[in-house]
Amino acid sequence: MILSLAGGLLIGAAAALLLLAGGRVAGISGILDGALGRPSWRWWFLAGLLCGGLILALLYPAALGPPVASIAPLAAAGFLVGFGTRLSGGCTSGHGVCGVSRFSTRSLIATGTFLITGMLTVFVVERLG
């Protein structure tokens, strides 16, 4: 419980720092999209995300779950997430962490949609096995 609280505080602090210091919302899809166009601070931000994942994999590999047996479902899931990100004008980090904290109507609707879709997906997968 304490680690979850600490992780949430770190995410919130990082999002607040990026907004206050740089005037940018910490939405990963927007940061990735901007990084593809030109070198900037975005590359450092993305490198930090990747390094965090690598550190987790080294220190606690079980946290990442079992190895993926096939790349096809993973690629399909990535495509669907990217499509949904473009459709909603942002990702869960931008809408859920940054937009909801600013009481953005658009982000509240998007985050509600993310949650409902996730719950429906779990329900369907559980029923279909």
N, C-alpha and C. Protein backbone atom coordinates (compact mmCIF):
# COMPACT_ATOMS: atom_id res chain seq x y z
N MET A 1 0.82 -1.19 0.00
CA MET A 1 0.00 0.00 0.00
C MET A 1 0.87 1.26 0.00
N ILE A 2 1.91 1.26 0.79
CA ILE A 2 2.80 2.42 0.87
C ILE A 2 3.50 2.64 -0.48
N LEU A 3 3.93 1.54 -1.13
CA LEU A 3 4.60 1.67 -2.42
C LEU A 3 3.65 2.22 -3.49
N SER A 4 2.40 1.81 -3.43
CA SER A 4 1.41 2.33 -4.39
C SER A 4 1.22 3.82 -4.18
N LEU A 5 1.13 4.24 -2.93
CA LEU A 5 0.99 5.66 -2.61
C LEU A 5 2.21 6.44 -3.09
N ALA A 6 3.39 5.89 -2.83
CA ALA A 6 4.63 6.56 -3.25
C ALA A 6 4.69 6.67 -4.77
N GLY A 7 4.31 5.60 -5.48
CA GLY A 7 4.31 5.64 -6.94
C GLY A 7 3.34 6.68 -7.46
N GLY A 8 2.14 6.73 -6.89
CA GLY A 8 1.16 7.74 -7.30
C GLY A 8 1.64 9.15 -7.04
N LEU A 9 2.27 9.36 -5.89
CA LEU A 9 2.81 10.69 -5.58
C LEU A 9 3.92 11.09 -6.56
N LEU A 10 4.77 10.13 -6.92
CA LEU A 10 5.83 10.42 -7.89
C LEU A 10 5.27 10.77 -9.27
N ILE A 11 4.25 10.03 -9.71
CA ILE A 11 3.63 10.32 -11.00
C ILE A 11 2.99 11.71 -10.97
N GLY A 12 2.25 11.99 -9.90
CA GLY A 12 1.61 13.30 -9.77
C GLY A 12 2.63 14.43 -9.70
N ALA A 13 3.70 14.22 -8.95
CA ALA A 13 4.74 15.25 -8.84
C ALA A 13 5.43 15.48 -10.18
N ALA A 14 5.72 14.41 -10.90
CA ALA A 14 6.37 14.55 -12.21
C ALA A 14 5.45 15.29 -13.19
N ALA A 15 4.17 14.96 -13.19
CA ALA A 15 3.22 15.64 -14.08
C ALA A 15 3.09 17.11 -13.71
N ALA A 16 3.03 17.40 -12.40
CA ALA A 16 2.93 18.79 -11.95
C ALA A 16 4.19 19.58 -12.30
N LEU A 17 5.35 18.96 -12.11
CA LEU A 17 6.62 19.63 -12.42
C LEU A 17 6.73 19.95 -13.91
N LEU A 18 6.33 19.00 -14.76
CA LEU A 18 6.39 19.25 -16.20
C LEU A 18 5.43 20.38 -16.60
N LEU A 19 4.26 20.41 -15.97
CA LEU A 19 3.29 21.46 -16.28
C LEU A 19 3.77 22.81 -15.76
N LEU A 20 4.26 22.85 -14.53
CA LEU A 20 4.70 24.13 -13.94
C LEU A 20 5.99 24.66 -14.57
N ALA A 21 6.95 23.77 -14.78
CA ALA A 21 8.26 24.21 -15.29
C ALA A 21 8.28 24.37 -16.80
N GLY A 22 7.55 23.52 -17.49
CA GLY A 22 7.63 23.55 -18.95
C GLY A 22 6.35 23.93 -19.65
N GLY A 23 5.26 24.05 -18.88
CA GLY A 23 3.98 24.39 -19.49
C GLY A 23 3.42 23.28 -20.37
N ARG A 24 3.84 22.05 -20.11
CA ARG A 24 3.44 20.90 -20.92
C ARG A 24 2.67 19.89 -20.09
N VAL A 25 1.70 19.25 -20.72
CA VAL A 25 0.95 18.17 -20.08
C VAL A 25 1.72 16.88 -20.32
N ALA A 26 1.83 16.05 -19.29
CA ALA A 26 2.60 14.81 -19.38
C ALA A 26 1.78 13.69 -20.00
N GLY A 27 1.30 13.91 -21.21
CA GLY A 27 0.60 12.86 -21.95
C GLY A 27 1.61 12.13 -22.82
N ILE A 28 1.77 10.85 -22.60
CA ILE A 28 2.81 10.09 -23.28
C ILE A 28 2.62 10.08 -24.78
N SER A 29 1.39 9.93 -25.25
CA SER A 29 1.18 9.89 -26.70
C SER A 29 1.57 11.21 -27.36
N GLY A 30 1.25 12.33 -26.72
CA GLY A 30 1.64 13.63 -27.27
C GLY A 30 3.14 13.85 -27.21
N ILE A 31 3.76 13.37 -26.15
CA ILE A 31 5.21 13.50 -26.02
C ILE A 31 5.90 12.65 -27.09
N LEU A 32 5.41 11.42 -27.30
CA LEU A 32 5.97 10.55 -28.33
C LEU A 32 5.77 11.16 -29.71
N ASP A 33 4.59 11.66 -29.98
CA ASP A 33 4.30 12.28 -31.28
C ASP A 33 5.23 13.47 -31.53
N GLY A 34 5.44 14.30 -30.52
CA GLY A 34 6.34 15.44 -30.66
C GLY A 34 7.79 15.04 -30.81
N ALA A 35 8.18 13.93 -30.19
CA ALA A 35 9.57 13.48 -30.27
C ALA A 35 9.92 12.96 -31.65
N LEU A 36 8.93 12.46 -32.37
CA LEU A 36 9.19 11.92 -33.70
C LEU A 36 9.56 13.01 -34.70
N GLY A 37 9.16 14.23 -34.43
CA GLY A 37 9.42 15.32 -35.37
C GLY A 37 10.80 15.93 -35.24
N ARG A 38 11.33 16.01 -34.02
CA ARG A 38 12.61 16.70 -33.83
C ARG A 38 13.19 16.34 -32.47
N PRO A 39 14.50 16.44 -32.35
CA PRO A 39 15.12 16.18 -31.04
C PRO A 39 14.71 17.26 -30.04
N SER A 40 14.40 16.86 -28.82
CA SER A 40 14.01 17.84 -27.80
C SER A 40 14.02 17.16 -26.44
N TRP A 41 13.49 17.84 -25.44
CA TRP A 41 13.38 17.31 -24.09
C TRP A 41 12.56 16.02 -24.08
N ARG A 42 11.71 15.86 -25.09
CA ARG A 42 10.84 14.68 -25.15
C ARG A 42 11.64 13.37 -25.19
N TRP A 43 12.79 13.40 -25.86
CA TRP A 43 13.63 12.21 -25.93
C TRP A 43 14.11 11.81 -24.55
N TRP A 44 14.46 12.79 -23.71
CA TRP A 44 14.92 12.51 -22.35
C TRP A 44 13.78 11.94 -21.51
N PHE A 45 12.59 12.48 -21.69
CA PHE A 45 11.41 12.00 -20.97
C PHE A 45 11.15 10.54 -21.32
N LEU A 46 11.14 10.22 -22.63
CA LEU A 46 10.90 8.85 -23.09
C LEU A 46 12.02 7.91 -22.64
N ALA A 47 13.25 8.40 -22.66
CA ALA A 47 14.37 7.57 -22.18
C ALA A 47 14.19 7.25 -20.70
N GLY A 48 13.70 8.21 -19.93
CA GLY A 48 13.44 7.96 -18.51
C GLY A 48 12.38 6.89 -18.31
N LEU A 49 11.34 6.90 -19.14
CA LEU A 49 10.31 5.86 -19.06
C LEU A 49 10.90 4.48 -19.36
N LEU A 50 11.69 4.41 -20.41
CA LEU A 50 12.31 3.13 -20.78
C LEU A 50 13.28 2.65 -19.70
N CYS A 51 14.06 3.56 -19.16
CA CYS A 51 15.01 3.18 -18.10
C CYS A 51 14.27 2.69 -16.86
N GLY A 52 13.15 3.31 -16.55
CA GLY A 52 12.35 2.84 -15.41
C GLY A 52 11.89 1.41 -15.62
N GLY A 53 11.44 1.09 -16.83
CA GLY A 53 11.04 -0.28 -17.15
C GLY A 53 12.19 -1.26 -17.08
N LEU A 54 13.35 -0.84 -17.58
CA LEU A 54 14.53 -1.71 -17.53
C LEU A 54 14.98 -1.95 -16.09
N ILE A 55 14.94 -0.93 -15.27
CA ILE A 55 15.31 -1.09 -13.86
C ILE A 55 14.36 -2.05 -13.17
N LEU A 56 13.05 -1.90 -13.45
CA LEU A 56 12.07 -2.82 -12.88
C LEU A 56 12.34 -4.25 -13.33
N ALA A 57 12.64 -4.43 -14.61
CA ALA A 57 12.92 -5.77 -15.13
C ALA A 57 14.14 -6.39 -14.47
N LEU A 58 15.14 -5.58 -14.16
CA LEU A 58 16.35 -6.09 -13.51
C LEU A 58 16.13 -6.40 -12.04
N LEU A 59 15.40 -5.50 -11.34
CA LEU A 59 15.24 -5.66 -9.90
C LEU A 59 14.10 -6.60 -9.51
N TYR A 60 13.04 -6.62 -10.32
CA TYR A 60 11.86 -7.42 -9.97
C TYR A 60 11.18 -7.92 -11.24
N PRO A 61 11.79 -8.90 -11.93
CA PRO A 61 11.27 -9.36 -13.21
C PRO A 61 9.86 -9.92 -13.15
N ALA A 62 9.45 -10.48 -12.01
CA ALA A 62 8.11 -11.06 -11.89
C ALA A 62 7.02 -10.00 -12.03
N ALA A 63 7.35 -8.73 -11.79
CA ALA A 63 6.37 -7.64 -11.89
C ALA A 63 5.89 -7.45 -13.33
N LEU A 64 6.69 -7.89 -14.29
CA LEU A 64 6.33 -7.72 -15.69
C LEU A 64 5.43 -8.83 -16.22
N GLY A 65 5.21 -9.87 -15.43
CA GLY A 65 4.35 -10.96 -15.86
C GLY A 65 5.12 -11.98 -16.68
N PRO A 66 4.39 -12.99 -17.15
CA PRO A 66 5.06 -14.04 -17.94
C PRO A 66 5.49 -13.52 -19.31
N PRO A 67 6.48 -14.15 -19.92
CA PRO A 67 6.91 -13.74 -21.25
C PRO A 67 5.77 -13.92 -22.27
N VAL A 68 5.77 -13.09 -23.27
CA VAL A 68 4.75 -13.15 -24.31
C VAL A 68 5.06 -14.32 -25.24
N ALA A 69 4.05 -15.18 -25.47
CA ALA A 69 4.24 -16.35 -26.31
C ALA A 69 4.23 -15.98 -27.79
N SER A 70 3.40 -15.01 -28.15
CA SER A 70 3.28 -14.60 -29.54
C SER A 70 3.25 -13.09 -29.64
N ILE A 71 3.92 -12.57 -30.62
CA ILE A 71 3.99 -11.13 -30.80
C ILE A 71 2.71 -10.57 -31.44
N ALA A 72 1.95 -11.40 -32.15
CA ALA A 72 0.76 -10.93 -32.88
C ALA A 72 -0.28 -10.28 -31.96
N PRO A 73 -0.68 -10.90 -30.84
CA PRO A 73 -1.65 -10.23 -29.97
C PRO A 73 -1.10 -8.94 -29.37
N LEU A 74 0.19 -8.94 -29.08
CA LEU A 74 0.82 -7.74 -28.54
C LEU A 74 0.81 -6.61 -29.57
N ALA A 75 1.11 -6.93 -30.82
CA ALA A 75 1.08 -5.93 -31.88
C ALA A 75 -0.34 -5.42 -32.12
N ALA A 76 -1.32 -6.33 -32.10
CA ALA A 76 -2.72 -5.93 -32.28
C ALA A 76 -3.16 -5.01 -31.14
N ALA A 77 -2.78 -5.35 -29.92
CA ALA A 77 -3.13 -4.52 -28.77
C ALA A 77 -2.49 -3.14 -28.90
N GLY A 78 -1.24 -3.09 -29.31
CA GLY A 78 -0.56 -1.81 -29.50
C GLY A 78 -1.23 -0.96 -30.56
N PHE A 79 -1.65 -1.60 -31.65
CA PHE A 79 -2.36 -0.88 -32.70
C PHE A 79 -3.67 -0.30 -32.17
N LEU A 80 -4.43 -1.10 -31.43
CA LEU A 80 -5.71 -0.64 -30.89
C LEU A 80 -5.52 0.49 -29.89
N VAL A 81 -4.50 0.40 -29.07
CA VAL A 81 -4.22 1.47 -28.11
C VAL A 81 -3.85 2.76 -28.86
N GLY A 82 -3.01 2.64 -29.88
CA GLY A 82 -2.63 3.81 -30.68
C GLY A 82 -3.83 4.41 -31.38
N PHE A 83 -4.70 3.57 -31.92
CA PHE A 83 -5.91 4.06 -32.59
C PHE A 83 -6.82 4.79 -31.59
N GLY A 84 -7.00 4.19 -30.42
CA GLY A 84 -7.84 4.82 -29.39
C GLY A 84 -7.25 6.13 -28.89
N THR A 85 -5.93 6.19 -28.81
CA THR A 85 -5.26 7.40 -28.39
C THR A 85 -5.52 8.54 -29.37
N ARG A 86 -5.42 8.25 -30.65
CA ARG A 86 -5.69 9.27 -31.66
C ARG A 86 -7.17 9.66 -31.67
N LEU A 87 -8.04 8.66 -31.52
CA LEU A 87 -9.48 8.90 -31.53
C LEU A 87 -9.91 9.80 -30.38
N SER A 88 -9.33 9.58 -29.20
CA SER A 88 -9.73 10.35 -28.02
C SER A 88 -8.92 11.63 -27.82
N GLY A 89 -7.96 11.87 -28.69
CA GLY A 89 -7.15 13.08 -28.57
C GLY A 89 -6.20 13.04 -27.38
N GLY A 90 -5.77 11.87 -26.98
CA GLY A 90 -4.83 11.74 -25.88
C GLY A 90 -4.89 10.37 -25.27
N CYS A 91 -4.01 10.13 -24.33
CA CYS A 91 -3.91 8.81 -23.71
C CYS A 91 -4.33 8.89 -22.24
N THR A 92 -4.27 7.76 -21.58
CA THR A 92 -4.68 7.72 -20.18
C THR A 92 -3.81 8.60 -19.30
N SER A 93 -2.55 8.72 -19.62
CA SER A 93 -1.69 9.58 -18.80
C SER A 93 -2.05 11.05 -18.97
N GLY A 94 -2.28 11.47 -20.20
CA GLY A 94 -2.63 12.87 -20.43
C GLY A 94 -4.00 13.21 -19.89
N HIS A 95 -4.99 12.39 -20.22
CA HIS A 95 -6.35 12.65 -19.77
C HIS A 95 -6.53 12.29 -18.29
N GLY A 96 -6.09 11.08 -17.92
CA GLY A 96 -6.36 10.58 -16.57
C GLY A 96 -5.57 11.27 -15.48
N VAL A 97 -4.29 11.48 -15.70
CA VAL A 97 -3.46 12.08 -14.66
C VAL A 97 -3.53 13.61 -14.73
N CYS A 98 -3.34 14.15 -15.90
CA CYS A 98 -3.24 15.61 -16.02
C CYS A 98 -4.59 16.30 -16.25
N GLY A 99 -5.41 15.74 -17.13
CA GLY A 99 -6.67 16.38 -17.45
C GLY A 99 -7.69 16.33 -16.33
N VAL A 100 -7.82 15.18 -15.68
CA VAL A 100 -8.77 15.04 -14.58
C VAL A 100 -8.38 15.96 -13.42
N SER A 101 -7.09 16.06 -13.15
CA SER A 101 -6.65 16.92 -12.04
C SER A 101 -6.91 18.40 -12.32
N ARG A 102 -7.09 18.75 -13.60
CA ARG A 102 -7.44 20.13 -13.97
C ARG A 102 -8.94 20.29 -14.23
N PHE A 103 -9.71 19.24 -13.95
CA PHE A 103 -11.17 19.22 -14.14
C PHE A 103 -11.57 19.52 -15.58
N SER A 104 -10.78 19.03 -16.52
CA SER A 104 -11.10 19.19 -17.94
C SER A 104 -12.27 18.29 -18.29
N THR A 105 -13.34 18.89 -18.83
CA THR A 105 -14.53 18.11 -19.20
C THR A 105 -14.17 17.03 -20.21
N ARG A 106 -13.40 17.40 -21.21
CA ARG A 106 -12.97 16.44 -22.23
C ARG A 106 -12.22 15.26 -21.62
N SER A 107 -11.34 15.55 -20.66
CA SER A 107 -10.56 14.50 -20.01
C SER A 107 -11.41 13.64 -19.09
N LEU A 108 -12.38 14.25 -18.41
CA LEU A 108 -13.28 13.47 -17.56
C LEU A 108 -14.08 12.48 -18.40
N ILE A 109 -14.57 12.92 -19.55
CA ILE A 109 -15.31 12.04 -20.45
C ILE A 109 -14.40 10.95 -21.00
N ALA A 110 -13.21 11.32 -21.46
CA ALA A 110 -12.27 10.34 -22.02
C ALA A 110 -11.87 9.31 -20.97
N THR A 111 -11.56 9.75 -19.76
CA THR A 111 -11.15 8.83 -18.71
C THR A 111 -12.30 7.89 -18.33
N GLY A 112 -13.51 8.42 -18.25
CA GLY A 112 -14.67 7.57 -18.00
C GLY A 112 -14.83 6.52 -19.09
N THR A 113 -14.62 6.94 -20.33
CA THR A 113 -14.71 6.01 -21.46
C THR A 113 -13.63 4.93 -21.36
N PHE A 114 -12.41 5.32 -21.00
CA PHE A 114 -11.32 4.35 -20.83
C PHE A 114 -11.70 3.31 -19.78
N LEU A 115 -12.21 3.78 -18.65
CA LEU A 115 -12.55 2.87 -17.56
C LEU A 115 -13.68 1.92 -17.93
N ILE A 116 -14.74 2.46 -18.53
CA ILE A 116 -15.87 1.62 -18.92
C ILE A 116 -15.45 0.60 -19.97
N THR A 117 -14.67 1.03 -20.95
CA THR A 117 -14.19 0.11 -21.98
C THR A 117 -13.32 -0.98 -21.38
N GLY A 118 -12.45 -0.62 -20.45
CA GLY A 118 -11.61 -1.61 -19.78
C GLY A 118 -12.43 -2.62 -18.99
N MET A 119 -13.44 -2.13 -18.27
CA MET A 119 -14.29 -3.04 -17.50
C MET A 119 -15.08 -3.97 -18.42
N LEU A 120 -15.60 -3.44 -19.51
CA LEU A 120 -16.33 -4.28 -20.48
C LEU A 120 -15.41 -5.32 -21.11
N THR A 121 -14.18 -4.93 -21.41
CA THR A 121 -13.22 -5.86 -21.99
C THR A 121 -12.93 -7.01 -21.04
N VAL A 122 -12.69 -6.68 -19.77
CA VAL A 122 -12.44 -7.72 -18.77
C VAL A 122 -13.65 -8.64 -18.66
N PHE A 123 -14.85 -8.07 -18.64
CA PHE A 123 -16.07 -8.87 -18.53
C PHE A 123 -16.19 -9.84 -19.71
N VAL A 124 -15.97 -9.34 -20.92
CA VAL A 124 -16.09 -10.18 -22.12
C VAL A 124 -15.01 -11.26 -22.12
N VAL A 125 -13.79 -10.91 -21.82
CA VAL A 125 -12.70 -11.89 -21.80
C VAL A 125 -12.95 -12.96 -20.73
N GLU A 126 -13.43 -12.56 -19.57
CA GLU A 126 -13.73 -13.53 -18.52
C GLU A 126 -14.84 -14.49 -18.95
N ARG A 127 -15.84 -13.99 -19.65
CA ARG A 127 -16.97 -14.82 -20.08
C ARG A 127 -16.60 -15.75 -21.23
N LEU A 128 -15.75 -15.25 -22.13
CA LEU A 128 -15.37 -16.05 -23.30
C LEU A 128 -14.14 -16.91 -23.05
N GLY A 129 -13.46 -16.65 -21.95
CA GLY A 129 -12.32 -17.49 -21.59
C GLY A 129 -11.10 -17.09 -22.33
